[in-house]
């Protein structure tokens, strides 16, 4: 029988005194990197910028459809340090920084509700 684990770690929220993320902040730069800086690409090759934007939009749409298909399904997450966990997928925040899951089965026990940081996930699988 699985043993419930009474620990729930919530992510640290944004600074309450700010109105959003500063594009020059280290966090924004780390999470929102682009392969082509927008200002440099617009000056050098607008066609290349348009192609990259189209490719990004197609990939983003596919990923969002994948998240929608995962809703209320058993999902296996493959994490760093060769840790594999299983949970029922609930939702993702708007920035896809966290996944809300239920019935999280970990090597040390079961957690009824939890948030998984997307940075800790290498890959995930689910049955269609």
N, C-alpha and C. Protein backbone atom coordinates (compact mmCIF):
# COMPACT_ATOMS: atom_id res chain seq x y z
N UNK A 1 0.84 -1.19 0.00
CA UNK A 1 0.00 0.00 0.00
C UNK A 1 0.88 1.24 0.00
N UNK A 2 0.52 2.20 -0.81
CA UNK A 2 1.29 3.45 -0.91
C UNK A 2 1.04 4.31 0.33
N UNK A 3 2.09 4.97 0.79
CA UNK A 3 2.00 5.82 1.97
C UNK A 3 1.86 7.28 1.55
N UNK A 4 0.82 7.98 2.03
CA UNK A 4 0.68 9.39 1.68
C UNK A 4 1.84 10.22 2.23
N UNK A 5 2.25 11.21 1.47
CA UNK A 5 3.32 12.11 1.88
C UNK A 5 2.70 13.47 2.15
N UNK A 6 2.80 14.00 3.39
CA UNK A 6 2.12 15.24 3.73
C UNK A 6 2.89 16.51 3.38
N UNK A 7 3.67 16.51 2.31
CA UNK A 7 4.46 17.68 1.94
C UNK A 7 3.94 18.24 0.63
N UNK A 8 3.66 19.53 0.61
CA UNK A 8 3.24 20.19 -0.62
C UNK A 8 4.12 21.42 -0.78
N UNK A 9 4.93 21.43 -1.81
CA UNK A 9 5.83 22.55 -2.05
C UNK A 9 5.23 23.44 -3.13
N UNK A 10 4.98 24.67 -2.79
CA UNK A 10 4.43 25.62 -3.74
C UNK A 10 5.55 26.47 -4.32
N UNK A 11 5.44 26.84 -5.58
CA UNK A 11 6.50 27.67 -6.17
C UNK A 11 6.48 29.07 -5.58
N UNK A 12 7.63 29.71 -5.58
CA UNK A 12 7.72 31.08 -5.10
C UNK A 12 7.09 32.00 -6.14
N UNK A 13 6.18 32.83 -5.71
CA UNK A 13 5.48 33.72 -6.62
C UNK A 13 6.32 34.90 -7.04
N UNK A 14 5.84 35.68 -8.02
CA UNK A 14 6.59 36.86 -8.45
C UNK A 14 6.63 37.90 -7.34
N UNK A 15 7.53 38.83 -7.46
CA UNK A 15 7.69 39.91 -6.49
C UNK A 15 6.37 40.69 -6.39
N UNK A 16 5.79 40.84 -5.19
CA UNK A 16 4.48 41.51 -5.08
C UNK A 16 4.52 42.99 -5.43
N UNK A 17 5.70 43.60 -5.46
CA UNK A 17 5.80 45.03 -5.76
C UNK A 17 5.98 45.31 -7.25
N UNK A 18 6.06 44.29 -8.07
CA UNK A 18 6.29 44.51 -9.49
C UNK A 18 5.00 44.35 -10.27
N UNK A 19 5.00 44.82 -11.51
CA UNK A 19 3.83 44.70 -12.37
C UNK A 19 4.01 43.63 -13.43
N UNK A 20 5.01 42.83 -13.31
CA UNK A 20 5.27 41.79 -14.30
C UNK A 20 6.75 41.50 -14.32
N UNK A 21 7.19 40.83 -15.35
CA UNK A 21 8.59 40.46 -15.45
C UNK A 21 9.35 41.48 -16.28
N UNK A 22 10.47 41.90 -15.76
CA UNK A 22 11.36 42.82 -16.47
C UNK A 22 12.07 42.05 -17.57
N UNK A 23 11.98 42.47 -18.83
CA UNK A 23 12.65 41.73 -19.92
C UNK A 23 14.16 41.65 -19.76
N UNK A 24 14.73 42.49 -18.91
CA UNK A 24 16.17 42.46 -18.69
C UNK A 24 16.56 41.64 -17.46
N UNK A 25 15.57 41.08 -16.75
CA UNK A 25 15.88 40.31 -15.54
C UNK A 25 16.48 38.96 -15.92
N UNK A 26 17.32 38.41 -15.06
CA UNK A 26 17.92 37.10 -15.34
C UNK A 26 16.87 36.00 -15.53
N UNK A 27 15.76 36.05 -14.76
CA UNK A 27 14.73 35.02 -14.89
C UNK A 27 14.07 35.08 -16.27
N UNK A 28 13.73 36.29 -16.70
CA UNK A 28 13.09 36.44 -18.01
C UNK A 28 14.03 35.97 -19.12
N UNK A 29 15.28 36.35 -19.04
CA UNK A 29 16.26 35.95 -20.05
C UNK A 29 16.43 34.44 -20.07
N UNK A 30 16.46 33.81 -18.88
CA UNK A 30 16.63 32.35 -18.81
C UNK A 30 15.42 31.61 -19.36
N UNK A 31 14.22 32.11 -19.10
CA UNK A 31 13.01 31.40 -19.49
C UNK A 31 12.50 31.75 -20.89
N UNK A 32 12.85 32.91 -21.38
CA UNK A 32 12.28 33.39 -22.65
C UNK A 32 13.35 33.68 -23.69
N UNK A 33 14.35 32.85 -23.74
CA UNK A 33 15.40 33.04 -24.73
C UNK A 33 14.85 32.88 -26.14
N UNK A 34 15.38 33.64 -27.07
CA UNK A 34 15.06 33.44 -28.48
C UNK A 34 16.35 33.12 -29.21
N UNK A 35 16.23 32.35 -30.26
CA UNK A 35 17.43 32.00 -31.01
C UNK A 35 17.90 33.17 -31.87
N UNK A 36 16.98 34.06 -32.21
CA UNK A 36 17.33 35.25 -32.99
C UNK A 36 16.82 36.46 -32.23
N UNK A 37 17.70 37.36 -31.78
CA UNK A 37 17.21 38.57 -31.13
C UNK A 37 16.32 39.35 -32.09
N UNK A 38 15.15 39.76 -31.63
CA UNK A 38 14.16 40.37 -32.50
C UNK A 38 14.67 41.61 -33.22
N UNK A 39 15.30 42.50 -32.51
CA UNK A 39 15.75 43.74 -33.15
C UNK A 39 16.82 43.47 -34.20
N UNK A 40 17.74 42.57 -33.90
CA UNK A 40 18.81 42.25 -34.86
C UNK A 40 18.23 41.53 -36.08
N UNK A 41 17.26 40.64 -35.86
CA UNK A 41 16.69 39.89 -36.97
C UNK A 41 15.86 40.79 -37.88
N UNK A 42 15.14 41.74 -37.28
CA UNK A 42 14.31 42.63 -38.08
C UNK A 42 15.17 43.50 -38.99
N UNK A 43 16.34 43.89 -38.50
CA UNK A 43 17.22 44.72 -39.31
C UNK A 43 17.94 43.90 -40.38
N UNK A 44 18.32 42.67 -40.05
CA UNK A 44 19.14 41.90 -40.98
C UNK A 44 18.32 41.11 -42.00
N UNK A 45 17.33 40.33 -41.55
CA UNK A 45 16.59 39.47 -42.47
C UNK A 45 15.15 39.29 -42.00
N UNK A 46 14.22 40.11 -42.49
CA UNK A 46 12.83 39.97 -42.06
C UNK A 46 12.21 38.63 -42.45
N UNK A 47 12.66 38.03 -43.54
CA UNK A 47 12.13 36.73 -43.96
C UNK A 47 12.48 35.65 -42.93
N UNK A 48 13.71 35.68 -42.43
CA UNK A 48 14.14 34.71 -41.43
C UNK A 48 13.34 34.88 -40.14
N UNK A 49 13.08 36.11 -39.74
CA UNK A 49 12.28 36.38 -38.55
C UNK A 49 10.86 35.84 -38.72
N UNK A 50 10.27 36.06 -39.89
CA UNK A 50 8.91 35.58 -40.15
C UNK A 50 8.85 34.06 -40.12
N UNK A 51 9.85 33.39 -40.69
CA UNK A 51 9.89 31.93 -40.68
C UNK A 51 10.01 31.39 -39.26
N UNK A 52 10.86 32.03 -38.46
CA UNK A 52 11.01 31.57 -37.07
C UNK A 52 9.72 31.78 -36.29
N UNK A 53 9.07 32.92 -36.48
CA UNK A 53 7.82 33.18 -35.78
C UNK A 53 6.75 32.17 -36.17
N UNK A 54 6.69 31.81 -37.45
CA UNK A 54 5.71 30.81 -37.90
C UNK A 54 6.02 29.45 -37.27
N UNK A 55 7.29 29.05 -37.29
CA UNK A 55 7.67 27.76 -36.69
C UNK A 55 7.34 27.74 -35.20
N UNK A 56 7.62 28.83 -34.51
CA UNK A 56 7.31 28.90 -33.08
C UNK A 56 5.81 28.80 -32.83
N UNK A 57 5.01 29.46 -33.66
CA UNK A 57 3.56 29.42 -33.46
C UNK A 57 3.01 28.01 -33.70
N UNK A 58 3.54 27.31 -34.70
CA UNK A 58 3.10 25.94 -34.96
C UNK A 58 3.47 25.03 -33.79
N UNK A 59 4.71 25.14 -33.31
CA UNK A 59 5.14 24.31 -32.17
C UNK A 59 4.34 24.65 -30.91
N UNK A 60 4.07 25.92 -30.67
CA UNK A 60 3.29 26.32 -29.50
C UNK A 60 1.88 25.75 -29.56
N UNK A 61 1.26 25.82 -30.74
CA UNK A 61 -0.10 25.28 -30.89
C UNK A 61 -0.11 23.77 -30.64
N UNK A 62 0.87 23.05 -31.16
CA UNK A 62 0.95 21.60 -30.94
C UNK A 62 1.11 21.28 -29.46
N UNK A 63 1.97 22.04 -28.78
CA UNK A 63 2.19 21.80 -27.36
C UNK A 63 0.93 22.08 -26.55
N UNK A 64 0.22 23.16 -26.86
CA UNK A 64 -1.01 23.47 -26.14
C UNK A 64 -2.09 22.42 -26.39
N UNK A 65 -2.16 21.90 -27.61
CA UNK A 65 -3.11 20.81 -27.89
C UNK A 65 -2.74 19.55 -27.12
N UNK A 66 -1.44 19.31 -26.96
CA UNK A 66 -0.96 18.17 -26.17
C UNK A 66 -1.39 18.33 -24.71
N UNK A 67 -1.22 19.53 -24.16
CA UNK A 67 -1.65 19.77 -22.77
C UNK A 67 -3.14 19.56 -22.61
N UNK A 68 -3.91 20.00 -23.59
CA UNK A 68 -5.36 19.81 -23.55
C UNK A 68 -5.72 18.33 -23.59
N UNK A 69 -5.02 17.56 -24.42
CA UNK A 69 -5.28 16.12 -24.52
C UNK A 69 -4.90 15.38 -23.25
N UNK A 70 -3.94 15.90 -22.48
CA UNK A 70 -3.47 15.25 -21.26
C UNK A 70 -4.43 15.43 -20.09
N UNK A 71 -5.32 16.38 -20.17
CA UNK A 71 -6.19 16.72 -19.05
C UNK A 71 -6.95 15.51 -18.54
N UNK A 72 -6.88 15.28 -17.23
CA UNK A 72 -7.55 14.18 -16.52
C UNK A 72 -7.08 12.79 -16.97
N UNK A 73 -5.86 12.69 -17.46
CA UNK A 73 -5.30 11.39 -17.84
C UNK A 73 -4.08 11.08 -17.00
N UNK A 74 -3.78 9.79 -16.86
CA UNK A 74 -2.57 9.37 -16.16
C UNK A 74 -1.37 9.72 -17.03
N UNK A 75 -0.42 10.42 -16.44
CA UNK A 75 0.77 10.88 -17.16
C UNK A 75 2.00 10.40 -16.40
N UNK A 76 3.00 9.92 -17.13
CA UNK A 76 4.27 9.51 -16.54
C UNK A 76 5.30 10.59 -16.84
N UNK A 77 5.86 11.15 -15.78
CA UNK A 77 6.88 12.19 -15.91
C UNK A 77 8.25 11.58 -15.68
N UNK A 78 9.17 11.88 -16.56
CA UNK A 78 10.56 11.42 -16.43
C UNK A 78 11.36 12.65 -16.00
N UNK A 79 11.91 12.57 -14.79
CA UNK A 79 12.56 13.73 -14.18
C UNK A 79 14.08 13.54 -14.15
N UNK A 80 14.76 14.57 -13.69
CA UNK A 80 16.21 14.48 -13.51
C UNK A 80 16.54 13.43 -12.45
N UNK A 81 17.78 12.97 -12.43
CA UNK A 81 18.25 11.94 -11.50
C UNK A 81 17.53 10.60 -11.71
N UNK A 82 17.03 10.37 -12.92
CA UNK A 82 16.36 9.12 -13.30
C UNK A 82 15.15 8.80 -12.43
N UNK A 83 14.44 9.84 -12.00
CA UNK A 83 13.23 9.66 -11.20
C UNK A 83 12.03 9.63 -12.15
N UNK A 84 11.19 8.62 -11.98
CA UNK A 84 9.96 8.50 -12.76
C UNK A 84 8.78 8.59 -11.81
N UNK A 85 7.83 9.45 -12.13
CA UNK A 85 6.65 9.59 -11.30
C UNK A 85 5.42 9.49 -12.19
N UNK A 86 4.29 9.19 -11.56
CA UNK A 86 3.03 9.07 -12.30
C UNK A 86 1.97 9.87 -11.57
N UNK A 87 1.12 10.55 -12.32
CA UNK A 87 0.07 11.36 -11.72
C UNK A 87 -1.05 11.60 -12.72
N UNK A 88 -2.17 12.07 -12.22
CA UNK A 88 -3.27 12.49 -13.09
C UNK A 88 -3.07 13.97 -13.38
N UNK A 89 -2.92 14.29 -14.66
CA UNK A 89 -2.65 15.68 -15.06
C UNK A 89 -3.90 16.52 -14.89
N UNK A 90 -3.73 17.70 -14.30
CA UNK A 90 -4.85 18.61 -14.12
C UNK A 90 -4.78 19.81 -15.04
N UNK A 91 -3.72 20.61 -14.86
CA UNK A 91 -3.61 21.85 -15.63
C UNK A 91 -2.17 22.35 -15.60
N UNK A 92 -1.96 23.40 -16.37
CA UNK A 92 -0.67 24.08 -16.40
C UNK A 92 -0.93 25.57 -16.22
N UNK A 93 0.04 26.27 -15.64
CA UNK A 93 -0.14 27.72 -15.55
C UNK A 93 0.11 28.34 -16.92
N UNK A 94 -0.18 29.61 -17.05
CA UNK A 94 -0.14 30.26 -18.36
C UNK A 94 1.26 30.27 -18.97
N UNK A 95 2.29 30.32 -18.13
CA UNK A 95 3.67 30.34 -18.62
C UNK A 95 4.26 28.94 -18.77
N UNK A 96 3.48 27.92 -18.45
CA UNK A 96 3.91 26.51 -18.47
C UNK A 96 5.16 26.34 -17.60
N UNK A 97 5.15 26.99 -16.45
CA UNK A 97 6.24 26.82 -15.49
C UNK A 97 5.92 25.74 -14.47
N UNK A 98 4.63 25.46 -14.28
CA UNK A 98 4.20 24.47 -13.29
C UNK A 98 3.06 23.63 -13.86
N UNK A 99 3.03 22.36 -13.45
CA UNK A 99 1.93 21.46 -13.79
C UNK A 99 1.19 21.12 -12.50
N UNK A 100 -0.13 21.24 -12.51
CA UNK A 100 -0.93 20.82 -11.37
C UNK A 100 -1.35 19.38 -11.62
N UNK A 101 -1.08 18.50 -10.65
CA UNK A 101 -1.40 17.08 -10.79
C UNK A 101 -2.12 16.58 -9.55
N UNK A 102 -2.81 15.45 -9.70
CA UNK A 102 -3.48 14.78 -8.59
C UNK A 102 -2.93 13.36 -8.49
N UNK A 103 -3.06 12.77 -7.31
CA UNK A 103 -2.62 11.39 -7.07
C UNK A 103 -1.20 11.16 -7.58
N UNK A 104 -0.30 11.98 -7.12
CA UNK A 104 1.11 11.90 -7.52
C UNK A 104 1.78 10.72 -6.84
N UNK A 105 2.23 9.75 -7.63
CA UNK A 105 2.94 8.57 -7.11
C UNK A 105 4.43 8.79 -7.32
N UNK A 106 5.15 8.91 -6.21
CA UNK A 106 6.60 9.11 -6.26
C UNK A 106 7.29 7.91 -5.62
N UNK A 107 8.60 7.81 -5.74
CA UNK A 107 9.31 6.70 -5.10
C UNK A 107 9.15 6.68 -3.57
N UNK A 108 8.82 7.82 -2.95
CA UNK A 108 8.70 7.83 -1.49
C UNK A 108 7.26 7.83 -1.00
N UNK A 109 6.28 7.87 -1.89
CA UNK A 109 4.90 7.83 -1.45
C UNK A 109 3.95 8.49 -2.43
N UNK A 110 2.74 8.77 -1.92
CA UNK A 110 1.67 9.33 -2.75
C UNK A 110 1.27 10.69 -2.19
N UNK A 111 1.09 11.66 -3.08
CA UNK A 111 0.63 12.99 -2.69
C UNK A 111 -0.70 13.23 -3.40
N UNK A 112 -1.72 13.64 -2.65
CA UNK A 112 -3.05 13.81 -3.24
C UNK A 112 -3.07 14.91 -4.30
N UNK A 113 -2.50 16.06 -4.01
CA UNK A 113 -2.43 17.18 -4.96
C UNK A 113 -1.01 17.74 -4.92
N UNK A 114 -0.51 18.19 -6.06
CA UNK A 114 0.85 18.73 -6.09
C UNK A 114 1.06 19.60 -7.31
N UNK A 115 2.10 20.41 -7.24
CA UNK A 115 2.58 21.18 -8.38
C UNK A 115 3.96 20.65 -8.75
N UNK A 116 4.17 20.44 -10.04
CA UNK A 116 5.47 19.98 -10.54
C UNK A 116 6.07 21.11 -11.35
N UNK A 117 7.30 21.47 -11.04
CA UNK A 117 7.97 22.51 -11.82
C UNK A 117 8.36 21.93 -13.18
N UNK A 118 8.02 22.63 -14.23
CA UNK A 118 8.32 22.11 -15.57
C UNK A 118 9.83 22.03 -15.82
N UNK A 119 10.63 22.84 -15.12
CA UNK A 119 12.08 22.79 -15.30
C UNK A 119 12.66 21.47 -14.81
N UNK A 120 11.94 20.77 -13.92
CA UNK A 120 12.42 19.50 -13.39
C UNK A 120 12.04 18.32 -14.28
N UNK A 121 11.18 18.54 -15.26
CA UNK A 121 10.68 17.47 -16.13
C UNK A 121 11.53 17.38 -17.39
N UNK A 122 12.03 16.18 -17.66
CA UNK A 122 12.77 15.95 -18.91
C UNK A 122 11.79 15.62 -20.02
N UNK A 123 10.85 14.71 -19.73
CA UNK A 123 9.83 14.35 -20.71
C UNK A 123 8.62 13.80 -19.98
N UNK A 124 7.51 13.68 -20.70
CA UNK A 124 6.33 13.05 -20.13
C UNK A 124 5.64 12.25 -21.22
N UNK A 125 4.94 11.20 -20.79
CA UNK A 125 4.21 10.34 -21.73
C UNK A 125 2.82 10.08 -21.17
N UNK A 126 1.89 9.84 -22.09
CA UNK A 126 0.54 9.47 -21.69
C UNK A 126 -0.11 8.70 -22.83
N UNK A 127 -1.11 7.89 -22.49
CA UNK A 127 -1.83 7.12 -23.49
C UNK A 127 -2.94 7.97 -24.07
N UNK A 128 -3.05 7.95 -25.39
CA UNK A 128 -4.06 8.77 -26.07
C UNK A 128 -5.41 8.12 -26.02
